[in-house]
Amino acid sequence: MPKWQVIVGNIGTVVSTDQMGIALVTYAAYRKQSQNNHGRAAGEPVTLMKDGEPYFEHAEEETP
């Protein structure tokens, strides 16, 4: 069974589970916070890992 983790830039690992659904919901929530510049995840990269490899990545683009 795969191991899933969600990692947020300045927070670290926010979830570690063997359930893909939980990982996806958590990833989506933190990605939304990052995009909306809300909370501790504001503007931070968010990565969903599957078995130690990136599965989805969100990196906030820097403005000039």
PDB file of N, CA and C in Angstrom:
ATOM      1  N   MET A   1       0.840  -1.181   0.000  1.00  0.00           N
ATOM      2  CA  MET A   1       0.000   0.000   0.000  1.00  0.00           C
ATOM      3  C   MET A   1       0.883   1.243   0.000  1.00  0.00           C
ATOM      4  N   PRO A   2       0.587   2.211  -0.887  1.00  0.00           N
ATOM      5  CA  PRO A   2       1.412   3.419  -0.972  1.00  0.00           C
ATOM      6  C   PRO A   2       1.327   4.271   0.294  1.00  0.00           C
ATOM      7  N   LYS A   3       2.381   5.023   0.531  1.00  0.00           N
ATOM      8  CA  LYS A   3       2.443   5.977   1.638  1.00  0.00           C
ATOM      9  C   LYS A   3       2.342   7.377   1.037  1.00  0.00           C
ATOM     10  N   TRP A   4       1.407   8.182   1.542  1.00  0.00           N
ATOM     11  CA  TRP A   4       1.156   9.523   1.047  1.00  0.00           C
ATOM     12  C   TRP A   4       1.552  10.549   2.101  1.00  0.00           C
ATOM     13  N   GLN A   5       2.139  11.659   1.650  1.00  0.00           N
ATOM     14  CA  GLN A   5       2.489  12.759   2.544  1.00  0.00           C
ATOM     15  C   GLN A   5       2.165  14.075   1.850  1.00  0.00           C
ATOM     16  N   VAL A   6       1.744  15.051   2.641  1.00  0.00           N
ATOM     17  CA  VAL A   6       1.569  16.417   2.149  1.00  0.00           C
ATOM     18  C   VAL A   6       2.568  17.276   2.909  1.00  0.00           C
ATOM     19  N   ILE A   7       3.391  17.999   2.144  1.00  0.00           N
ATOM     20  CA  ILE A   7       4.436  18.837   2.728  1.00  0.00           C
ATOM     21  C   ILE A   7       4.194  20.283   2.293  1.00  0.00           C
ATOM     22  N   VAL A   8       4.161  21.184   3.276  1.00  0.00           N
ATOM     23  CA  VAL A   8       3.948  22.608   3.028  1.00  0.00           C
ATOM     24  C   VAL A   8       5.227  23.339   3.411  1.00  0.00           C
ATOM     25  N   GLY A   9       5.688  24.212   2.523  1.00  0.00           N
ATOM     26  CA  GLY A   9       6.952  24.929   2.660  1.00  0.00           C
ATOM     27  C   GLY A   9       7.419  25.256   4.060  1.00  0.00           C
ATOM     28  N   ASN A  10       6.778  26.208   4.726  1.00  0.00           N
ATOM     29  CA  ASN A  10       7.266  26.664   6.021  1.00  0.00           C
ATOM     30  C   ASN A  10       6.691  25.886   7.202  1.00  0.00           C
ATOM     31  N   ILE A  11       5.805  24.944   6.927  1.00  0.00           N
ATOM     32  CA  ILE A  11       5.175  24.158   7.997  1.00  0.00           C
ATOM     33  C   ILE A  11       5.837  22.787   8.134  1.00  0.00           C
ATOM     34  N   GLY A  12       6.099  22.151   6.998  1.00  0.00           N
ATOM     35  CA  GLY A  12       6.649  20.795   6.993  1.00  0.00           C
ATOM     36  C   GLY A  12       5.556  19.796   6.642  1.00  0.00           C
ATOM     37  N   THR A  13       5.700  18.574   7.107  1.00  0.00           N
ATOM     38  CA  THR A  13       4.725  17.528   6.811  1.00  0.00           C
ATOM     39  C   THR A  13       3.456  17.776   7.609  1.00  0.00           C
ATOM     40  N   VAL A  14       2.334  17.919   6.899  1.00  0.00           N
ATOM     41  CA  VAL A  14       1.063  18.175   7.570  1.00  0.00           C
ATOM     42  C   VAL A  14       0.191  16.928   7.652  1.00  0.00           C
ATOM     43  N   VAL A  15       0.468  15.942   6.809  1.00  0.00           N
ATOM     44  CA  VAL A  15      -0.244  14.665   6.894  1.00  0.00           C
ATOM     45  C   VAL A  15       0.642  13.567   6.316  1.00  0.00           C
ATOM     46  N   SER A  16       0.554  12.411   6.932  1.00  0.00           N
ATOM     47  CA  SER A  16       1.245  11.216   6.462  1.00  0.00           C
ATOM     48  C   SER A  16       0.268  10.063   6.653  1.00  0.00           C
ATOM     49  N   THR A  17      -0.142   9.432   5.550  1.00  0.00           N
ATOM     50  CA  THR A  17      -1.215   8.447   5.605  1.00  0.00           C
ATOM     51  C   THR A  17      -1.055   7.400   4.503  1.00  0.00           C
ATOM     52  N   ASP A  18      -1.794   6.320   4.631  1.00  0.00           N
ATOM     53  CA  ASP A  18      -1.834   5.334   3.554  1.00  0.00           C
ATOM     54  C   ASP A  18      -3.131   5.468   2.744  1.00  0.00           C
ATOM     55  N   GLN A  19      -3.910   6.511   3.034  1.00  0.00           N
ATOM     56  CA  GLN A  19      -5.177   6.733   2.343  1.00  0.00           C
ATOM     57  C   GLN A  19      -5.055   7.903   1.369  1.00  0.00           C
ATOM     58  N   MET A  20      -5.144   7.594   0.083  1.00  0.00           N
ATOM     59  CA  MET A  20      -4.994   8.608  -0.955  1.00  0.00           C
ATOM     60  C   MET A  20      -6.032   9.719  -0.815  1.00  0.00           C
ATOM     61  N   GLY A  21      -7.261   9.383  -0.484  1.00  0.00           N
ATOM     62  CA  GLY A  21      -8.332  10.371  -0.363  1.00  0.00           C
ATOM     63  C   GLY A  21      -8.019  11.442   0.664  1.00  0.00           C
ATOM     64  N   ILE A  22      -7.532  11.031   1.816  1.00  0.00           N
ATOM     65  CA  ILE A  22      -7.172  11.986   2.865  1.00  0.00           C
ATOM     66  C   ILE A  22      -6.045  12.887   2.380  1.00  0.00           C
ATOM     67  N   ALA A  23      -5.067  12.301   1.725  1.00  0.00           N
ATOM     68  CA  ALA A  23      -3.936  13.078   1.226  1.00  0.00           C
ATOM     69  C   ALA A  23      -4.383  14.092   0.170  1.00  0.00           C
ATOM     70  N   LEU A  24      -5.266  13.688  -0.736  1.00  0.00           N
ATOM     71  CA  LEU A  24      -5.733  14.594  -1.784  1.00  0.00           C
ATOM     72  C   LEU A  24      -6.537  15.755  -1.223  1.00  0.00           C
ATOM     73  N   VAL A  25      -7.409  15.475  -0.259  1.00  0.00           N
ATOM     74  CA  VAL A  25      -8.212  16.532   0.354  1.00  0.00           C
ATOM     75  C   VAL A  25      -7.310  17.519   1.101  1.00  0.00           C
ATOM     76  N   THR A  26      -6.328  16.997   1.812  1.00  0.00           N
ATOM     77  CA  THR A  26      -5.394  17.850   2.553  1.00  0.00           C
ATOM     78  C   THR A  26      -4.566  18.695   1.595  1.00  0.00           C
ATOM     79  N   TYR A  27      -4.049  18.074   0.532  1.00  0.00           N
ATOM     80  CA  TYR A  27      -3.273  18.801  -0.473  1.00  0.00           C
ATOM     81  C   TYR A  27      -4.097  19.942  -1.070  1.00  0.00           C
ATOM     82  N   ALA A  28      -5.337  19.653  -1.441  1.00  0.00           N
ATOM     83  CA  ALA A  28      -6.199  20.671  -2.050  1.00  0.00           C
ATOM     84  C   ALA A  28      -6.448  21.835  -1.091  1.00  0.00           C
ATOM     85  N   ALA A  29      -6.658  21.538   0.179  1.00  0.00           N
ATOM     86  CA  ALA A  29      -6.924  22.582   1.169  1.00  0.00           C
ATOM     87  C   ALA A  29      -5.711  23.500   1.340  1.00  0.00           C
ATOM     88  N   TYR A  30      -4.518  22.919   1.451  1.00  0.00           N
ATOM     89  CA  TYR A  30      -3.318  23.741   1.616  1.00  0.00           C
ATOM     90  C   TYR A  30      -2.946  24.467   0.338  1.00  0.00           C
ATOM     91  N   ARG A  31      -3.193  23.858  -0.820  1.00  0.00           N
ATOM     92  CA  ARG A  31      -2.933  24.540  -2.085  1.00  0.00           C
ATOM     93  C   ARG A  31      -3.826  25.770  -2.209  1.00  0.00           C
ATOM     94  N   LYS A  32      -5.086  25.635  -1.799  1.00  0.00           N
ATOM     95  CA  LYS A  32      -6.019  26.764  -1.840  1.00  0.00           C
ATOM     96  C   LYS A  32      -5.547  27.882  -0.909  1.00  0.00           C
ATOM     97  N   GLN A  33      -5.102  27.522   0.302  1.00  0.00           N
ATOM     98  CA  GLN A  33      -4.581  28.527   1.231  1.00  0.00           C
ATOM     99  C   GLN A  33      -3.380  29.250   0.619  1.00  0.00           C
ATOM    100  N   SER A  34      -2.506  28.487  -0.029  1.00  0.00           N
ATOM    101  CA  SER A  34      -1.323  29.078  -0.643  1.00  0.00           C
ATOM    102  C   SER A  34      -1.715  30.048  -1.751  1.00  0.00           C
ATOM    103  N   GLN A  35      -2.630  29.632  -2.612  1.00  0.00           N
ATOM    104  CA  GLN A  35      -3.059  30.464  -3.731  1.00  0.00           C
ATOM    105  C   GLN A  35      -3.796  31.720  -3.271  1.00  0.00           C
ATOM    106  N   ASN A  36      -4.559  31.591  -2.188  1.00  0.00           N
ATOM    107  CA  ASN A  36      -5.359  32.715  -1.690  1.00  0.00           C
ATOM    108  C   ASN A  36      -4.605  33.582  -0.685  1.00  0.00           C
ATOM    109  N   ASN A  37      -3.324  33.269  -0.460  1.00  0.00           N
ATOM    110  CA  ASN A  37      -2.517  34.005   0.522  1.00  0.00           C
ATOM    111  C   ASN A  37      -3.219  34.086   1.867  1.00  0.00           C
ATOM    112  N   HIS A  38      -3.659  32.933   2.355  1.00  0.00           N
ATOM    113  CA  HIS A  38      -4.405  32.849   3.608  1.00  0.00           C
ATOM    114  C   HIS A  38      -3.728  31.877   4.571  1.00  0.00           C
ATOM    115  N   GLY A  39      -3.540  32.297   5.811  1.00  0.00           N
ATOM    116  CA  GLY A  39      -2.993  31.411   6.834  1.00  0.00           C
ATOM    117  C   GLY A  39      -1.492  31.204   6.710  1.00  0.00           C
ATOM    118  N   ARG A  40      -0.992  30.226   7.458  1.00  0.00           N
ATOM    119  CA  ARG A  40       0.453  29.949   7.461  1.00  0.00           C
ATOM    120  C   ARG A  40       0.952  29.437   6.121  1.00  0.00           C
ATOM    121  N   ALA A  41       0.063  28.890   5.311  1.00  0.00           N
ATOM    122  CA  ALA A  41       0.468  28.347   4.013  1.00  0.00           C
ATOM    123  C   ALA A  41       0.468  29.402   2.907  1.00  0.00           C
ATOM    124  N   ALA A  42       0.166  30.641   3.242  1.00  0.00           N
ATOM    125  CA  ALA A  42       0.078  31.708   2.244  1.00  0.00           C
ATOM    126  C   ALA A  42       1.348  31.800   1.407  1.00  0.00           C
ATOM    127  N   GLY A  43       1.204  31.616   0.097  1.00  0.00           N
ATOM    128  CA  GLY A  43       2.322  31.751  -0.824  1.00  0.00           C
ATOM    129  C   GLY A  43       3.381  30.662  -0.741  1.00  0.00           C
ATOM    130  N   GLU A  44       3.132  29.632   0.037  1.00  0.00           N
ATOM    131  CA  GLU A  44       4.117  28.563   0.232  1.00  0.00           C
ATOM    132  C   GLU A  44       3.943  27.442  -0.794  1.00  0.00           C
ATOM    133  N   PRO A  45       5.031  26.738  -1.128  1.00  0.00           N
ATOM    134  CA  PRO A  45       4.906  25.561  -1.991  1.00  0.00           C
ATOM    135  C   PRO A  45       4.208  24.430  -1.228  1.00  0.00           C
ATOM    136  N   VAL A  46       3.404  23.666  -1.957  1.00  0.00           N
ATOM    137  CA  VAL A  46       2.685  22.530  -1.378  1.00  0.00           C
ATOM    138  C   VAL A  46       2.969  21.320  -2.270  1.00  0.00           C
ATOM    139  N   THR A  47       3.385  20.220  -1.658  1.00  0.00           N
ATOM    140  CA  THR A  47       3.731  19.022  -2.420  1.00  0.00           C
ATOM    141  C   THR A  47       3.010  17.807  -1.863  1.00  0.00           C
ATOM    142  N   LEU A  48       2.415  17.029  -2.769  1.00  0.00           N
ATOM    143  CA  LEU A  48       1.828  15.738  -2.413  1.00  0.00           C
ATOM    144  C   LEU A  48       2.822  14.674  -2.846  1.00  0.00           C
ATOM    145  N   MET A  49       3.269  13.881  -1.893  1.00  0.00           N
ATOM    146  CA  MET A  49       4.259  12.843  -2.157  1.00  0.00           C
ATOM    147  C   MET A  49       3.599  11.463  -2.112  1.00  0.00           C
ATOM    148  N   LYS A  50       4.020  10.592  -3.022  1.00  0.00           N
ATOM    149  CA  LYS A  50       3.596   9.190  -3.015  1.00  0.00           C
ATOM    150  C   LYS A  50       4.861   8.350  -2.933  1.00  0.00           C
ATOM    151  N   ASP A  51       4.992   7.622  -1.845  1.00  0.00           N
ATOM    152  CA  ASP A  51       6.164   6.769  -1.619  1.00  0.00           C
ATOM    153  C   ASP A  51       7.480   7.541  -1.788  1.00  0.00           C
ATOM    154  N   GLY A  52       7.502   8.778  -1.271  1.00  0.00           N
ATOM    155  CA  GLY A  52       8.731   9.567  -1.280  1.00  0.00           C
ATOM    156  C   GLY A  52       9.026  10.312  -2.569  1.00  0.00           C
ATOM    157  N   GLU A  53       8.136  10.210  -3.554  1.00  0.00           N
ATOM    158  CA  GLU A  53       8.323  10.896  -4.835  1.00  0.00           C
ATOM    159  C   GLU A  53       7.203  11.907  -5.037  1.00  0.00           C
ATOM    160  N   PRO A  54       7.499  13.087  -5.603  1.00  0.00           N
ATOM    161  CA  PRO A  54       6.440  14.074  -5.861  1.00  0.00           C
ATOM    162  C   PRO A  54       5.361  13.513  -6.780  1.00  0.00           C
ATOM    163  N   TYR A  55       4.115  13.706  -6.387  1.00  0.00           N
ATOM    164  CA  TYR A  55       2.955  13.255  -7.162  1.00  0.00           C
ATOM    165  C   TYR A  55       2.256  14.473  -7.763  1.00  0.00           C
ATOM    166  N   PHE A  56       2.032  15.491  -6.941  1.00  0.00           N
ATOM    167  CA  PHE A  56       1.531  16.811  -7.361  1.00  0.00           C
ATOM    168  C   PHE A  56       2.365  17.863  -6.654  1.00  0.00           C
ATOM    169  N   GLU A  57       2.630  18.969  -7.345  1.00  0.00           N
ATOM    170  CA  GLU A  57       3.364  20.067  -6.733  1.00  0.00           C
ATOM    171  C   GLU A  57       2.688  21.397  -7.078  1.00  0.00           C
ATOM    172  N   HIS A  58       2.616  22.259  -6.082  1.00  0.00           N
ATOM    173  CA  HIS A  58       2.143  23.620  -6.290  1.00  0.00           C
ATOM    174  C   HIS A  58       3.227  24.544  -5.756  1.00  0.00           C
ATOM    175  N   ALA A  59       3.753  25.387  -6.627  1.00  0.00           N
ATOM    176  CA  ALA A  59       4.752  26.371  -6.221  1.00  0.00           C
ATOM    177  C   ALA A  59       4.228  27.743  -6.609  1.00  0.00           C
ATOM    178  N   GLU A  60       4.045  28.601  -5.634  1.00  0.00           N
ATOM    179  CA  GLU A  60       3.538  29.954  -5.895  1.00  0.00           C
ATOM    180  C   GLU A  60       4.554  30.699  -6.754  1.00  0.00           C
ATOM    181  N   GLU A  61       4.070  31.303  -7.827  1.00  0.00           N
ATOM    182  CA  GLU A  61       4.952  32.062  -8.702  1.00  0.00           C
ATOM    183  C   GLU A  61       5.315  33.382  -8.053  1.00  0.00           C
ATOM    184  N   GLU A  62       6.579  33.754  -8.199  1.00  0.00           N
ATOM    185  CA  GLU A  62       7.030  35.020  -7.653  1.00  0.00           C
ATOM    186  C   GLU A  62       6.645  36.154  -8.597  1.00  0.00           C
ATOM    187  N   THR A  63       6.243  37.270  -8.019  1.00  0.00           N
ATOM    188  CA  THR A  63       5.911  38.443  -8.827  1.00  0.00           C
ATOM    189  C   THR A  63       7.139  39.350  -8.938  1.00  0.00           C
ATOM    190  N   PRO A  64       7.344  39.956 -10.102  1.00  0.00           N
ATOM    191  CA  PRO A  64       8.537  40.798 -10.289  1.00  0.00           C
ATOM    192  C   PRO A  64       8.486  42.068  -9.466  1.00  0.00           C
TER     193      PRO A  64
END
